PDB file of N, CA and C in Angstrom:
ATOM      1  N   MET A   1       0.828  -1.196   0.000  1.00  0.00           N
ATOM      2  CA  MET A   1       0.000   0.000   0.000  1.00  0.00           C
ATOM      3  C   MET A   1       0.863   1.246   0.000  1.00  0.00           C
ATOM      4  N   LYS A   2       1.929   1.239   0.748  1.00  0.00           N
ATOM      5  CA  LYS A   2       2.814   2.374   0.861  1.00  0.00           C
ATOM      6  C   LYS A   2       3.436   2.741  -0.494  1.00  0.00           C
ATOM      7  N   SER A   3       3.728   1.757  -1.315  1.00  0.00           N
ATOM      8  CA  SER A   3       4.375   2.014  -2.596  1.00  0.00           C
ATOM      9  C   SER A   3       3.457   2.724  -3.588  1.00  0.00           C
ATOM     10  N   LEU A   4       2.149   2.640  -3.434  1.00  0.00           N
ATOM     11  CA  LEU A   4       1.216   3.312  -4.331  1.00  0.00           C
ATOM     12  C   LEU A   4       1.002   4.780  -3.958  1.00  0.00           C
ATOM     13  N   VAL A   5       1.190   5.147  -2.726  1.00  0.00           N
ATOM     14  CA  VAL A   5       0.927   6.501  -2.262  1.00  0.00           C
ATOM     15  C   VAL A   5       1.893   7.498  -2.888  1.00  0.00           C
ATOM     16  N   ILE A   6       3.167   7.222  -2.882  1.00  0.00           N
ATOM     17  CA  ILE A   6       4.156   8.163  -3.411  1.00  0.00           C
ATOM     18  C   ILE A   6       3.986   8.373  -4.913  1.00  0.00           C
ATOM     19  N   PRO A   7       3.873   7.312  -5.744  1.00  0.00           N
ATOM     20  CA  PRO A   7       3.652   7.570  -7.176  1.00  0.00           C
ATOM     21  C   PRO A   7       2.352   8.310  -7.455  1.00  0.00           C
ATOM     22  N   THR A   8       1.302   8.050  -6.696  1.00  0.00           N
ATOM     23  CA  THR A   8       0.030   8.729  -6.906  1.00  0.00           C
ATOM     24  C   THR A   8       0.148  10.215  -6.569  1.00  0.00           C
ATOM     25  N   VAL A   9       0.803  10.533  -5.467  1.00  0.00           N
ATOM     26  CA  VAL A   9       1.015  11.926  -5.089  1.00  0.00           C
ATOM     27  C   VAL A   9       1.854  12.633  -6.154  1.00  0.00           C
ATOM     28  N   PHE A  10       2.884  11.992  -6.641  1.00  0.00           N
ATOM     29  CA  PHE A  10       3.736  12.576  -7.677  1.00  0.00           C
ATOM     30  C   PHE A  10       2.939  12.822  -8.952  1.00  0.00           C
ATOM     31  N   LEU A  11       2.106  11.858  -9.350  1.00  0.00           N
ATOM     32  CA  LEU A  11       1.297  11.996 -10.554  1.00  0.00           C
ATOM     33  C   LEU A  11       0.328  13.165 -10.426  1.00  0.00           C
ATOM     34  N   VAL A  12      -0.316  13.312  -9.284  1.00  0.00           N
ATOM     35  CA  VAL A  12      -1.234  14.436  -9.054  1.00  0.00           C
ATOM     36  C   VAL A  12      -0.478  15.751  -9.155  1.00  0.00           C
ATOM     37  N   PHE A  13       0.709  15.826  -8.562  1.00  0.00           N
ATOM     38  CA  PHE A  13       1.519  17.040  -8.621  1.00  0.00           C
ATOM     39  C   PHE A  13       1.868  17.396 -10.061  1.00  0.00           C
ATOM     40  N   VAL A  14       2.285  16.415 -10.853  1.00  0.00           N
ATOM     41  CA  VAL A  14       2.647  16.653 -12.250  1.00  0.00           C
ATOM     42  C   VAL A  14       1.441  17.142 -13.039  1.00  0.00           C
ATOM     43  N   LEU A  15       0.293  16.534 -12.842  1.00  0.00           N
ATOM     44  CA  LEU A  15      -0.904  16.941 -13.577  1.00  0.00           C
ATOM     45  C   LEU A  15      -1.372  18.334 -13.194  1.00  0.00           C
ATOM     46  N   VAL A  16      -1.256  18.689 -11.928  1.00  0.00           N
ATOM     47  CA  VAL A  16      -1.687  20.006 -11.466  1.00  0.00           C
ATOM     48  C   VAL A  16      -0.758  21.094 -11.971  1.00  0.00           C
ATOM     49  N   THR A  17       0.540  20.825 -12.000  1.00  0.00           N
ATOM     50  CA  THR A  17       1.492  21.861 -12.384  1.00  0.00           C
ATOM     51  C   THR A  17       1.786  21.884 -13.880  1.00  0.00           C
ATOM     52  N   ALA A  18       1.332  20.914 -14.631  1.00  0.00           N
ATOM     53  CA  ALA A  18       1.594  20.876 -16.076  1.00  0.00           C
ATOM     54  C   ALA A  18       0.983  22.101 -16.734  1.00  0.00           C
ATOM     55  N   GLY A  19       1.774  22.777 -17.526  1.00  0.00           N
ATOM     56  CA  GLY A  19       1.294  23.946 -18.242  1.00  0.00           C
ATOM     57  C   GLY A  19       1.261  25.212 -17.422  1.00  0.00           C
ATOM     58  N   CYS A  20       1.613  25.148 -16.162  1.00  0.00           N
ATOM     59  CA  CYS A  20       1.615  26.341 -15.316  1.00  0.00           C
ATOM     60  C   CYS A  20       2.940  27.076 -15.494  1.00  0.00           C
ATOM     61  N   THR A  21       2.896  28.231 -16.124  1.00  0.00           N
ATOM     62  CA  THR A  21       4.120  29.009 -16.332  1.00  0.00           C
ATOM     63  C   THR A  21       4.200  30.178 -15.370  1.00  0.00           C
ATOM     64  N   GLY A  22       3.101  30.504 -14.742  1.00  0.00           N
ATOM     65  CA  GLY A  22       3.075  31.661 -13.865  1.00  0.00           C
ATOM     66  C   GLY A  22       2.844  32.959 -14.630  1.00  0.00           C
ATOM     67  N   ALA A  23       2.844  32.904 -15.949  1.00  0.00           N
ATOM     68  CA  ALA A  23       2.629  34.099 -16.764  1.00  0.00           C
ATOM     69  C   ALA A  23       1.125  34.331 -16.923  1.00  0.00           C
ATOM     70  N   PRO A  24       0.701  35.595 -16.952  1.00  0.00           N
ATOM     71  CA  PRO A  24      -0.731  35.887 -17.099  1.00  0.00           C
ATOM     72  C   PRO A  24      -1.237  35.596 -18.508  1.00  0.00           C
ATOM     73  N   ASP A  25      -2.534  35.344 -18.628  1.00  0.00           N
ATOM     74  CA  ASP A  25      -3.172  35.115 -19.920  1.00  0.00           C
ATOM     75  C   ASP A  25      -3.484  36.427 -20.635  1.00  0.00           C
ATOM     76  N   LEU A  26      -3.555  37.526 -19.883  1.00  0.00           N
ATOM     77  CA  LEU A  26      -3.864  38.835 -20.456  1.00  0.00           C
ATOM     78  C   LEU A  26      -2.938  39.877 -19.843  1.00  0.00           C
ATOM     79  N   VAL A  27      -2.294  40.646 -20.696  1.00  0.00           N
ATOM     80  CA  VAL A  27      -1.412  41.731 -20.255  1.00  0.00           C
ATOM     81  C   VAL A  27      -1.886  43.007 -20.936  1.00  0.00           C
ATOM     82  N   ARG A  28      -1.953  44.094 -20.184  1.00  0.00           N
ATOM     83  CA  ARG A  28      -2.302  45.400 -20.749  1.00  0.00           C
ATOM     84  C   ARG A  28      -1.054  46.277 -20.742  1.00  0.00           C
ATOM     85  N   ALA A  29      -0.855  47.000 -21.834  1.00  0.00           N
ATOM     86  CA  ALA A  29       0.316  47.870 -21.945  1.00  0.00           C
ATOM     87  C   ALA A  29      -0.102  49.201 -22.548  1.00  0.00           C
ATOM     88  N   GLY A  30       0.596  50.255 -22.120  1.00  0.00           N
ATOM     89  CA  GLY A  30       0.347  51.593 -22.639  1.00  0.00           C
ATOM     90  C   GLY A  30       1.658  52.328 -22.799  1.00  0.00           C
ATOM     91  N   GLU A  31       1.572  53.635 -22.953  1.00  0.00           N
ATOM     92  CA  GLU A  31       2.761  54.472 -23.180  1.00  0.00           C
ATOM     93  C   GLU A  31       3.872  54.225 -22.171  1.00  0.00           C
ATOM     94  N   GLU A  32       3.501  53.991 -20.915  1.00  0.00           N
ATOM     95  CA  GLU A  32       4.510  53.816 -19.863  1.00  0.00           C
ATOM     96  C   GLU A  32       5.340  52.541 -20.051  1.00  0.00           C
ATOM     97  N   GLU A  33       4.883  51.594 -20.866  1.00  0.00           N
ATOM     98  CA  GLU A  33       5.647  50.371 -21.130  1.00  0.00           C
ATOM     99  C   GLU A  33       6.533  50.488 -22.372  1.00  0.00           C
ATOM    100  N   ASN A  34       6.584  51.660 -22.976  1.00  0.00           N
ATOM    101  CA  ASN A  34       7.410  51.861 -24.167  1.00  0.00           C
ATOM    102  C   ASN A  34       8.853  51.449 -23.875  1.00  0.00           C
ATOM    103  N   GLY A  35       9.398  50.569 -24.722  1.00  0.00           N
ATOM    104  CA  GLY A  35      10.769  50.118 -24.577  1.00  0.00           C
ATOM    105  C   GLY A  35      10.954  48.962 -23.614  1.00  0.00           C
ATOM    106  N   SER A  36       9.872  48.456 -23.050  1.00  0.00           N
ATOM    107  CA  SER A  36       9.987  47.392 -22.056  1.00  0.00           C
ATOM    108  C   SER A  36       9.588  46.036 -22.635  1.00  0.00           C
ATOM    109  N   THR A  37       9.703  45.019 -21.801  1.00  0.00           N
ATOM    110  CA  THR A  37       9.332  43.648 -22.161  1.00  0.00           C
ATOM    111  C   THR A  37       8.206  43.194 -21.241  1.00  0.00           C
ATOM    112  N   VAL A  38       7.174  42.577 -21.817  1.00  0.00           N
ATOM    113  CA  VAL A  38       6.102  41.978 -21.029  1.00  0.00           C
ATOM    114  C   VAL A  38       6.097  40.480 -21.308  1.00  0.00           C
ATOM    115  N   THR A  39       5.642  39.712 -20.323  1.00  0.00           N
ATOM    116  CA  THR A  39       5.565  38.264 -20.471  1.00  0.00           C
ATOM    117  C   THR A  39       4.114  37.843 -20.384  1.00  0.00           C
ATOM    118  N   VAL A  40       3.710  36.973 -21.316  1.00  0.00           N
ATOM    119  CA  VAL A  40       2.339  36.481 -21.370  1.00  0.00           C
ATOM    120  C   VAL A  40       2.398  34.962 -21.555  1.00  0.00           C
ATOM    121  N   ALA A  41       1.382  34.286 -21.050  1.00  0.00           N
ATOM    122  CA  ALA A  41       1.300  32.836 -21.221  1.00  0.00           C
ATOM    123  C   ALA A  41       1.091  32.500 -22.693  1.00  0.00           C
ATOM    124  N   SER A  42       1.594  31.364 -23.107  1.00  0.00           N
ATOM    125  CA  SER A  42       1.365  30.886 -24.464  1.00  0.00           C
ATOM    126  C   SER A  42      -0.138  30.806 -24.701  1.00  0.00           C
ATOM    127  N   GLY A  43      -0.610  31.356 -25.798  1.00  0.00           N
ATOM    128  CA  GLY A  43      -2.041  31.411 -26.082  1.00  0.00           C
ATOM    129  C   GLY A  43      -2.723  32.619 -25.469  1.00  0.00           C
ATOM    130  N   GLY A  44      -1.951  33.448 -24.751  1.00  0.00           N
ATOM    131  CA  GLY A  44      -2.499  34.639 -24.111  1.00  0.00           C
ATOM    132  C   GLY A  44      -2.592  35.814 -25.062  1.00  0.00           C
ATOM    133  N   LYS A  45      -3.025  36.954 -24.526  1.00  0.00           N
ATOM    134  CA  LYS A  45      -3.231  38.160 -25.325  1.00  0.00           C
ATOM    135  C   LYS A  45      -2.563  39.345 -24.649  1.00  0.00           C
ATOM    136  N   VAL A  46      -2.142  40.296 -25.478  1.00  0.00           N
ATOM    137  CA  VAL A  46      -1.606  41.556 -24.987  1.00  0.00           C
ATOM    138  C   VAL A  46      -2.463  42.661 -25.605  1.00  0.00           C
ATOM    139  N   VAL A  47      -3.010  43.517 -24.749  1.00  0.00           N
ATOM    140  CA  VAL A  47      -3.820  44.647 -25.210  1.00  0.00           C
ATOM    141  C   VAL A  47      -2.975  45.903 -25.052  1.00  0.00           C
ATOM    142  N   ILE A  48      -2.729  46.579 -26.176  1.00  0.00           N
ATOM    143  CA  ILE A  48      -1.888  47.779 -26.196  1.00  0.00           C
ATOM    144  C   ILE A  48      -2.778  48.968 -26.514  1.00  0.00           C
ATOM    145  N   THR A  49      -2.739  49.983 -25.652  1.00  0.00           N
ATOM    146  CA  THR A  49      -3.556  51.183 -25.836  1.00  0.00           C
ATOM    147  C   THR A  49      -2.642  52.395 -25.872  1.00  0.00           C
ATOM    148  N   LEU A  50      -2.714  53.164 -26.966  1.00  0.00           N
ATOM    149  CA  LEU A  50      -1.873  54.345 -27.134  1.00  0.00           C
ATOM    150  C   LEU A  50      -2.725  55.566 -27.469  1.00  0.00           C
ATOM    151  N   PRO A  51      -2.361  56.721 -26.926  1.00  0.00           N
ATOM    152  CA  PRO A  51      -3.118  57.941 -27.199  1.00  0.00           C
ATOM    153  C   PRO A  51      -2.690  58.583 -28.530  1.00  0.00           C
ATOM    154  N   TYR A  52      -3.595  59.318 -29.101  1.00  0.00           N
ATOM    155  CA  TYR A  52      -3.267  60.135 -30.270  1.00  0.00           C
ATOM    156  C   TYR A  52      -4.277  61.265 -30.382  1.00  0.00           C
ATOM    157  N   ASP A  53      -3.915  62.279 -31.156  1.00  0.00           N
ATOM    158  CA  ASP A  53      -4.742  63.472 -31.293  1.00  0.00           C
ATOM    159  C   ASP A  53      -5.535  63.383 -32.599  1.00  0.00           C
ATOM    160  N   THR A  54      -6.810  63.078 -32.479  1.00  0.00           N
ATOM    161  CA  THR A  54      -7.641  62.938 -33.672  1.00  0.00           C
ATOM    162  C   THR A  54      -7.804  64.263 -34.416  1.00  0.00           C
ATOM    163  N   ILE A  55      -7.794  65.378 -33.702  1.00  0.00           N
ATOM    164  CA  ILE A  55      -7.966  66.688 -34.332  1.00  0.00           C
ATOM    165  C   ILE A  55      -6.752  67.029 -35.200  1.00  0.00           C
ATOM    166  N   ALA A  56      -5.573  66.652 -34.741  1.00  0.00           N
ATOM    167  CA  ALA A  56      -4.350  66.912 -35.507  1.00  0.00           C
ATOM    168  C   ALA A  56      -4.189  65.943 -36.674  1.00  0.00           C
ATOM    169  N   GLY A  57      -5.058  64.933 -36.756  1.00  0.00           N
ATOM    170  CA  GLY A  57      -4.992  63.992 -37.856  1.00  0.00           C
ATOM    171  C   GLY A  57      -3.884  62.960 -37.708  1.00  0.00           C
ATOM    172  N   GLU A  58      -3.515  62.654 -36.484  1.00  0.00           N
ATOM    173  CA  GLU A  58      -2.474  61.651 -36.258  1.00  0.00           C
ATOM    174  C   GLU A  58      -3.072  60.245 -36.302  1.00  0.00           C
ATOM    175  N   GLN A  59      -2.207  59.284 -36.603  1.00  0.00           N
ATOM    176  CA  GLN A  59      -2.602  57.883 -36.527  1.00  0.00           C
ATOM    177  C   GLN A  59      -1.364  57.032 -36.268  1.00  0.00           C
ATOM    178  N   TRP A  60      -1.585  55.885 -35.640  1.00  0.00           N
ATOM    179  CA  TRP A  60      -0.497  54.948 -35.371  1.00  0.00           C
ATOM    180  C   TRP A  60      -0.430  53.936 -36.505  1.00  0.00           C
ATOM    181  N   GLN A  61       0.776  53.707 -37.007  1.00  0.00           N
ATOM    182  CA  GLN A  61       1.013  52.650 -37.986  1.00  0.00           C
ATOM    183  C   GLN A  61       1.802  51.557 -37.282  1.00  0.00           C
ATOM    184  N   THR A  62       1.339  50.314 -37.393  1.00  0.00           N
ATOM    185  CA  THR A  62       1.961  49.223 -36.660  1.00  0.00           C
ATOM    186  C   THR A  62       2.865  48.367 -37.548  1.00  0.00           C
ATOM    187  N   ASP A  63       3.820  47.734 -36.893  1.00  0.00           N
ATOM    188  CA  ASP A  63       4.738  46.800 -37.541  1.00  0.00           C
ATOM    189  C   ASP A  63       4.986  45.680 -36.535  1.00  0.00           C
ATOM    190  N   LEU A  64       4.629  44.460 -36.887  1.00  0.00           N
ATOM    191  CA  LEU A  64       4.752  43.329 -35.979  1.00  0.00           C
ATOM    192  C   LEU A  64       5.776  42.333 -36.511  1.00  0.00           C
ATOM    193  N   SER A  65       6.497  41.716 -35.582  1.00  0.00           N
ATOM    194  CA  SER A  65       7.418  40.664 -35.993  1.00  0.00           C
ATOM    195  C   SER A  65       6.618  39.421 -36.375  1.00  0.00           C
ATOM    196  N   ASP A  66       7.227  38.546 -37.175  1.00  0.00           N
ATOM    197  CA  ASP A  66       6.583  37.296 -37.557  1.00  0.00           C
ATOM    198  C   ASP A  66       6.207  36.510 -36.314  1.00  0.00           C
ATOM    199  N   GLY A  67       5.039  35.888 -36.342  1.00  0.00           N
ATOM    200  CA  GLY A  67       4.575  35.099 -35.209  1.00  0.00           C
ATOM    201  C   GLY A  67       3.694  35.868 -34.241  1.00  0.00           C
ATOM    202  N   LEU A  68       3.441  37.136 -34.533  1.00  0.00           N
ATOM    203  CA  LEU A  68       2.586  37.974 -33.699  1.00  0.00           C
ATOM    204  C   LEU A  68       1.476  38.515 -34.599  1.00  0.00           C
ATOM    205  N   VAL A  69       0.217  38.375 -34.164  1.00  0.00           N
ATOM    206  CA  VAL A  69      -0.907  38.824 -34.993  1.00  0.00           C
ATOM    207  C   VAL A  69      -1.830  39.748 -34.212  1.00  0.00           C
ATOM    208  N   ILE A  70      -2.443  40.685 -34.929  1.00  0.00           N
ATOM    209  CA  ILE A  70      -3.471  41.555 -34.352  1.00  0.00           C
ATOM    210  C   ILE A  70      -4.797  40.839 -34.516  1.00  0.00           C
ATOM    211  N   THR A  71      -5.485  40.581 -33.400  1.00  0.00           N
ATOM    212  CA  THR A  71      -6.776  39.900 -33.463  1.00  0.00           C
ATOM    213  C   THR A  71      -7.948  40.861 -33.285  1.00  0.00           C
ATOM    214  N   ASP A  72      -7.653  42.082 -32.815  1.00  0.00           N
ATOM    215  CA  ASP A  72      -8.702  43.087 -32.671  1.00  0.00           C
ATOM    216  C   ASP A  72      -8.048  44.460 -32.673  1.00  0.00           C
ATOM    217  N   GLU A  73      -8.714  45.414 -33.292  1.00  0.00           N
ATOM    218  CA  GLU A  73      -8.221  46.798 -33.310  1.00  0.00           C
ATOM    219  C   GLU A  73      -9.408  47.721 -33.132  1.00  0.00           C
ATOM    220  N   GLN A  74      -9.262  48.680 -32.202  1.00  0.00           N
ATOM    221  CA  GLN A  74     -10.337  49.633 -31.946  1.00  0.00           C
ATOM    222  C   GLN A  74      -9.770  51.034 -31.898  1.00  0.00           C
ATOM    223  N   THR A  75     -10.504  51.961 -32.468  1.00  0.00           N
ATOM    224  CA  THR A  75     -10.154  53.365 -32.379  1.00  0.00           C
ATOM    225  C   THR A  75     -11.252  54.043 -31.571  1.00  0.00           C
ATOM    226  N   LEU A  76     -10.858  54.568 -30.435  1.00  0.00           N
ATOM    227  CA  LEU A  76     -11.786  55.262 -29.555  1.00  0.00           C
ATOM    228  C   LEU A  76     -11.384  56.730 -29.526  1.00  0.00           C
ATOM    229  N   ALA A  77     -12.173  57.564 -28.929  1.00  0.00           N
ATOM    230  CA  ALA A  77     -11.853  58.989 -28.847  1.00  0.00           C
ATOM    231  C   ALA A  77     -10.501  59.176 -28.155  1.00  0.00           C
ATOM    232  N   GLY A  78      -9.505  59.574 -28.924  1.00  0.00           N
ATOM    233  CA  GLY A  78      -8.186  59.865 -28.366  1.00  0.00           C
ATOM    234  C   GLY A  78      -7.278  58.677 -28.132  1.00  0.00           C
ATOM    235  N   THR A  79      -7.721  57.449 -28.431  1.00  0.00           N
ATOM    236  CA  THR A  79      -6.850  56.282 -28.261  1.00  0.00           C
ATOM    237  C   THR A  79      -7.047  55.275 -29.386  1.00  0.00           C
ATOM    238  N   GLN A  80      -5.986  54.552 -29.653  1.00  0.00           N
ATOM    239  CA  GLN A  80      -6.054  53.388 -30.529  1.00  0.00           C
ATOM    240  C   GLN A  80      -5.664  52.195 -29.677  1.00  0.00           C
ATOM    241  N   GLU A  81      -6.345  51.080 -29.901  1.00  0.00           N
ATOM    242  CA  GLU A  81      -6.098  49.893 -29.086  1.00  0.00           C
ATOM    243  C   GLU A  81      -6.008  48.660 -29.983  1.00  0.00           C
ATOM    244  N   TRP A  82      -5.002  47.838 -29.715  1.00  0.00           N
ATOM    245  CA  TRP A  82      -4.795  46.602 -30.452  1.00  0.00           C
ATOM    246  C   TRP A  82      -4.734  45.443 -29.475  1.00  0.00           C
ATOM    247  N   THR A  83      -5.352  44.334 -29.843  1.00  0.00           N
ATOM    248  CA  THR A  83      -5.175  43.080 -29.115  1.00  0.00           C
ATOM    249  C   THR A  83      -4.286  42.218 -29.998  1.00  0.00           C
ATOM    250  N   VAL A  84      -3.139  41.819 -29.452  1.00  0.00           N
ATOM    251  CA  VAL A  84      -2.202  41.001 -30.222  1.00  0.00           C
ATOM    252  C   VAL A  84      -2.011  39.662 -29.519  1.00  0.00           C
ATOM    253  N   GLU A  85      -1.758  38.641 -30.336  1.00  0.00           N
ATOM    254  CA  GLU A  85      -1.544  37.300 -29.808  1.00  0.00           C
ATOM    255  C   GLU A  85      -0.313  36.678 -30.461  1.00  0.00           C
ATOM    256  N   PRO A  86       0.574  36.123 -29.650  1.00  0.00           N
ATOM    257  CA  PRO A  86       1.684  35.359 -30.217  1.00  0.00           C
ATOM    258  C   PRO A  86       1.165  33.998 -30.682  1.00  0.00           C
ATOM    259  N   LEU A  87       1.646  33.536 -31.824  1.00  0.00           N
ATOM    260  CA  LEU A  87       1.186  32.265 -32.367  1.00  0.00           C
ATOM    261  C   LEU A  87       1.901  31.068 -31.750  1.00  0.00           C
ATOM    262  N   SER A  88       2.986  31.330 -31.030  1.00  0.00           N
ATOM    263  CA  SER A  88       3.757  30.262 -30.388  1.00  0.00           C
ATOM    264  C   SER A  88       4.552  30.870 -29.242  1.00  0.00           C
ATOM    265  N   THR A  89       5.315  30.056 -28.556  1.00  0.00           N
ATOM    266  CA  THR A  89       6.210  30.598 -27.542  1.00  0.00           C
ATOM    267  C   THR A  89       7.371  31.284 -28.245  1.00  0.00           C
ATOM    268  N   GLY A  90       7.987  32.233 -27.574  1.00  0.00           N
ATOM    269  CA  GLY A  90       9.122  32.947 -28.158  1.00  0.00           C
ATOM    270  C   GLY A  90       9.068  34.416 -27.799  1.00  0.00           C
ATOM    271  N   THR A  91       9.929  35.178 -28.459  1.00  0.00           N
ATOM    272  CA  THR A  91      10.016  36.615 -28.230  1.00  0.00           C
ATOM    273  C   THR A  91       9.630  37.351 -29.507  1.00  0.00           C
ATOM    274  N   PHE A  92       8.753  38.334 -29.370  1.00  0.00           N
ATOM    275  CA  PHE A  92       8.187  39.051 -30.506  1.00  0.00           C
ATOM    276  C   PHE A  92       8.234  40.556 -30.246  1.00  0.00           C
ATOM    277  N   THR A  93       8.113  41.335 -31.314  1.00  0.00           N
ATOM    278  CA  THR A  93       8.160  42.789 -31.184  1.00  0.00           C
ATOM    279  C   THR A  93       6.935  43.427 -31.826  1.00  0.00           C
ATOM    280  N   PHE A  94       6.301  44.324 -31.064  1.00  0.00           N
ATOM    281  CA  PHE A  94       5.212  45.160 -31.560  1.00  0.00           C
ATOM    282  C   PHE A  94       5.777  46.568 -31.649  1.00  0.00           C
ATOM    283  N   LYS A  95       5.725  47.164 -32.841  1.00  0.00           N
ATOM    284  CA  LYS A  95       6.182  48.544 -33.025  1.00  0.00           C
ATOM    285  C   LYS A  95       5.034  49.367 -33.585  1.00  0.00           C
ATOM    286  N   ALA A  96       4.966  50.610 -33.142  1.00  0.00           N
ATOM    287  CA  ALA A  96       3.979  51.543 -33.672  1.00  0.00           C
ATOM    288  C   ALA A  96       4.646  52.903 -33.838  1.00  0.00           C
ATOM    289  N   SER A  97       4.326  53.552 -34.947  1.00  0.00           N
ATOM    290  CA  SER A  97       4.864  54.883 -35.234  1.00  0.00           C
ATOM    291  C   SER A  97       3.697  55.843 -35.391  1.00  0.00           C
ATOM    292  N   LEU A  98       3.758  56.955 -34.673  1.00  0.00           N
ATOM    293  CA  LEU A  98       2.706  57.967 -34.754  1.00  0.00           C
ATOM    294  C   LEU A  98       3.060  58.919 -35.896  1.00  0.00           C
ATOM    295  N   VAL A  99       2.190  58.965 -36.887  1.00  0.00           N
ATOM    296  CA  VAL A  99       2.442  59.802 -38.071  1.00  0.00           C
ATOM    297  C   VAL A  99       1.233  60.690 -38.327  1.00  0.00           C
ATOM    298  N   GLY A 100       1.464  61.764 -39.055  1.00  0.00           N
ATOM    299  CA  GLY A 100       0.371  62.639 -39.452  1.00  0.00           C
ATOM    300  C   GLY A 100      -0.439  61.983 -40.557  1.00  0.00           C
ATOM    301  N   ALA A 101      -1.741  62.010 -40.444  1.00  0.00           N
ATOM    302  CA  ALA A 101      -2.608  61.374 -41.441  1.00  0.00           C
ATOM    303  C   ALA A 101      -2.498  62.050 -42.798  1.00  0.00           C
ATOM    304  N   TRP A 102      -2.132  63.335 -42.805  1.00  0.00           N
ATOM    305  CA  TRP A 102      -2.093  64.070 -44.062  1.00  0.00           C
ATOM    306  C   TRP A 102      -0.773  63.867 -44.783  1.00  0.00           C
ATOM    307  N   ASP A 103       0.270  63.476 -44.082  1.00  0.00           N
ATOM    308  CA  ASP A 103       1.558  63.262 -44.722  1.00  0.00           C
ATOM    309  C   ASP A 103       2.268  62.076 -44.057  1.00  0.00           C
ATOM    310  N   PRO A 104       1.748  60.858 -44.254  1.00  0.00           N
ATOM    311  CA  PRO A 104       2.295  59.696 -43.565  1.00  0.00           C
ATOM    312  C   PRO A 104       3.701  59.303 -44.018  1.00  0.00           C
ATOM    313  N   LEU A 105       4.213  59.933 -45.072  1.00  0.00           N
ATOM    314  CA  LEU A 105       5.549  59.588 -45.551  1.00  0.00           C
ATOM    315  C   LEU A 105       6.648  60.313 -44.787  1.00  0.00           C
ATOM    316  N   THR A 106       6.284  61.321 -44.009  1.00  0.00           N
ATOM    317  CA  THR A 106       7.297  62.019 -43.211  1.00  0.00           C
ATOM    318  C   THR A 106       7.694  61.146 -42.029  1.00  0.00           C
ATOM    319  N   SER A 107       8.759  61.511 -41.367  1.00  0.00           N
ATOM    320  CA  SER A 107       9.226  60.705 -40.240  1.00  0.00           C
ATOM    321  C   SER A 107       8.201  60.701 -39.117  1.00  0.00           C
ATOM    322  N   ALA A 108       8.230  59.650 -38.361  1.00  0.00           N
ATOM    323  CA  ALA A 108       7.272  59.494 -37.269  1.00  0.00           C
ATOM    324  C   ALA A 108       7.508  60.540 -36.193  1.00  0.00           C
ATOM    325  N   GLU A 109       6.408  61.033 -35.627  1.00  0.00           N
ATOM    326  CA  GLU A 109       6.483  61.994 -34.535  1.00  0.00           C
ATOM    327  C   GLU A 109       6.857  61.306 -33.228  1.00  0.00           C
ATOM    328  N   LYS A 110       6.464  60.047 -33.110  1.00  0.00           N
ATOM    329  CA  LYS A 110       6.686  59.295 -31.881  1.00  0.00           C
ATOM    330  C   LYS A 110       6.740  57.818 -32.227  1.00  0.00           C
ATOM    331  N   GLU A 111       7.552  57.069 -31.480  1.00  0.00           N
ATOM    332  CA  GLU A 111       7.647  55.623 -31.709  1.00  0.00           C
ATOM    333  C   GLU A 111       7.344  54.885 -30.407  1.00  0.00           C
ATOM    334  N   PHE A 112       6.719  53.729 -30.540  1.00  0.00           N
ATOM    335  CA  PHE A 112       6.428  52.861 -29.415  1.00  0.00           C
ATOM    336  C   PHE A 112       6.924  51.468 -29.762  1.00  0.00           C
ATOM    337  N   VAL A 113       7.696  50.857 -28.857  1.00  0.00           N
ATOM    338  CA  VAL A 113       8.203  49.506 -29.079  1.00  0.00           C
ATOM    339  C   VAL A 113       7.945  48.688 -27.818  1.00  0.00           C
ATOM    340  N   LEU A 114       7.344  47.511 -28.009  1.00  0.00           N
ATOM    341  CA  LEU A 114       7.079  46.610 -26.902  1.00  0.00           C
ATOM    342  C   LEU A 114       7.569  45.218 -27.288  1.00  0.00           C
ATOM    343  N   THR A 115       8.396  44.633 -26.443  1.00  0.00           N
ATOM    344  CA  THR A 115       8.838  43.258 -26.645  1.00  0.00           C
ATOM    345  C   THR A 115       7.889  42.354 -25.867  1.00  0.00           C
ATOM    346  N   ILE A 116       7.398  41.322 -26.541  1.00  0.00           N
ATOM    347  CA  ILE A 116       6.442  40.398 -25.938  1.00  0.00           C
ATOM    348  C   ILE A 116       7.081  39.021 -25.877  1.00  0.00           C
ATOM    349  N   ARG A 117       7.177  38.515 -24.663  1.00  0.00           N
ATOM    350  CA  ARG A 117       7.731  37.170 -24.452  1.00  0.00           C
ATOM    351  C   ARG A 117       6.585  36.220 -24.120  1.00  0.00           C
ATOM    352  N   ALA A 118       6.364  35.227 -24.962  1.00  0.00           N
ATOM    353  CA  ALA A 118       5.322  34.234 -24.722  1.00  0.00           C
ATOM    354  C   ALA A 118       5.966  32.963 -24.193  1.00  0.00           C
ATOM    355  N   VAL A 119       5.500  32.513 -23.022  1.00  0.00           N
ATOM    356  CA  VAL A 119       6.084  31.319 -22.388  1.00  0.00           C
ATOM    357  C   VAL A 119       5.051  30.231 -22.189  1.00  0.00           C
TER     358      VAL A 119
END
């Protein structure tokens, strides 16, 4: 009887901790996270919200590394918001450049870079 208790306890421990990375399933990021790294669980989402001046005709243009996709995008009064998801574990980059809507070919007024680590 004693020999069954230890393997059973070990099996329960393995099943309970399997897939537990300690990383959150949802991470929110804004201007204050510019230049930083966030960690999200594999299959999780990162919601990025950035301000812009609609009256000045500004808009954010995004550039994502391979393996990172935008699953939702919303433009609200004074903010743009993207929900991004990594397609696998690894390290990915979300970049956004704030440009004038009337002359998007000029250099960006502001840049935002977020490194996303999916574990």
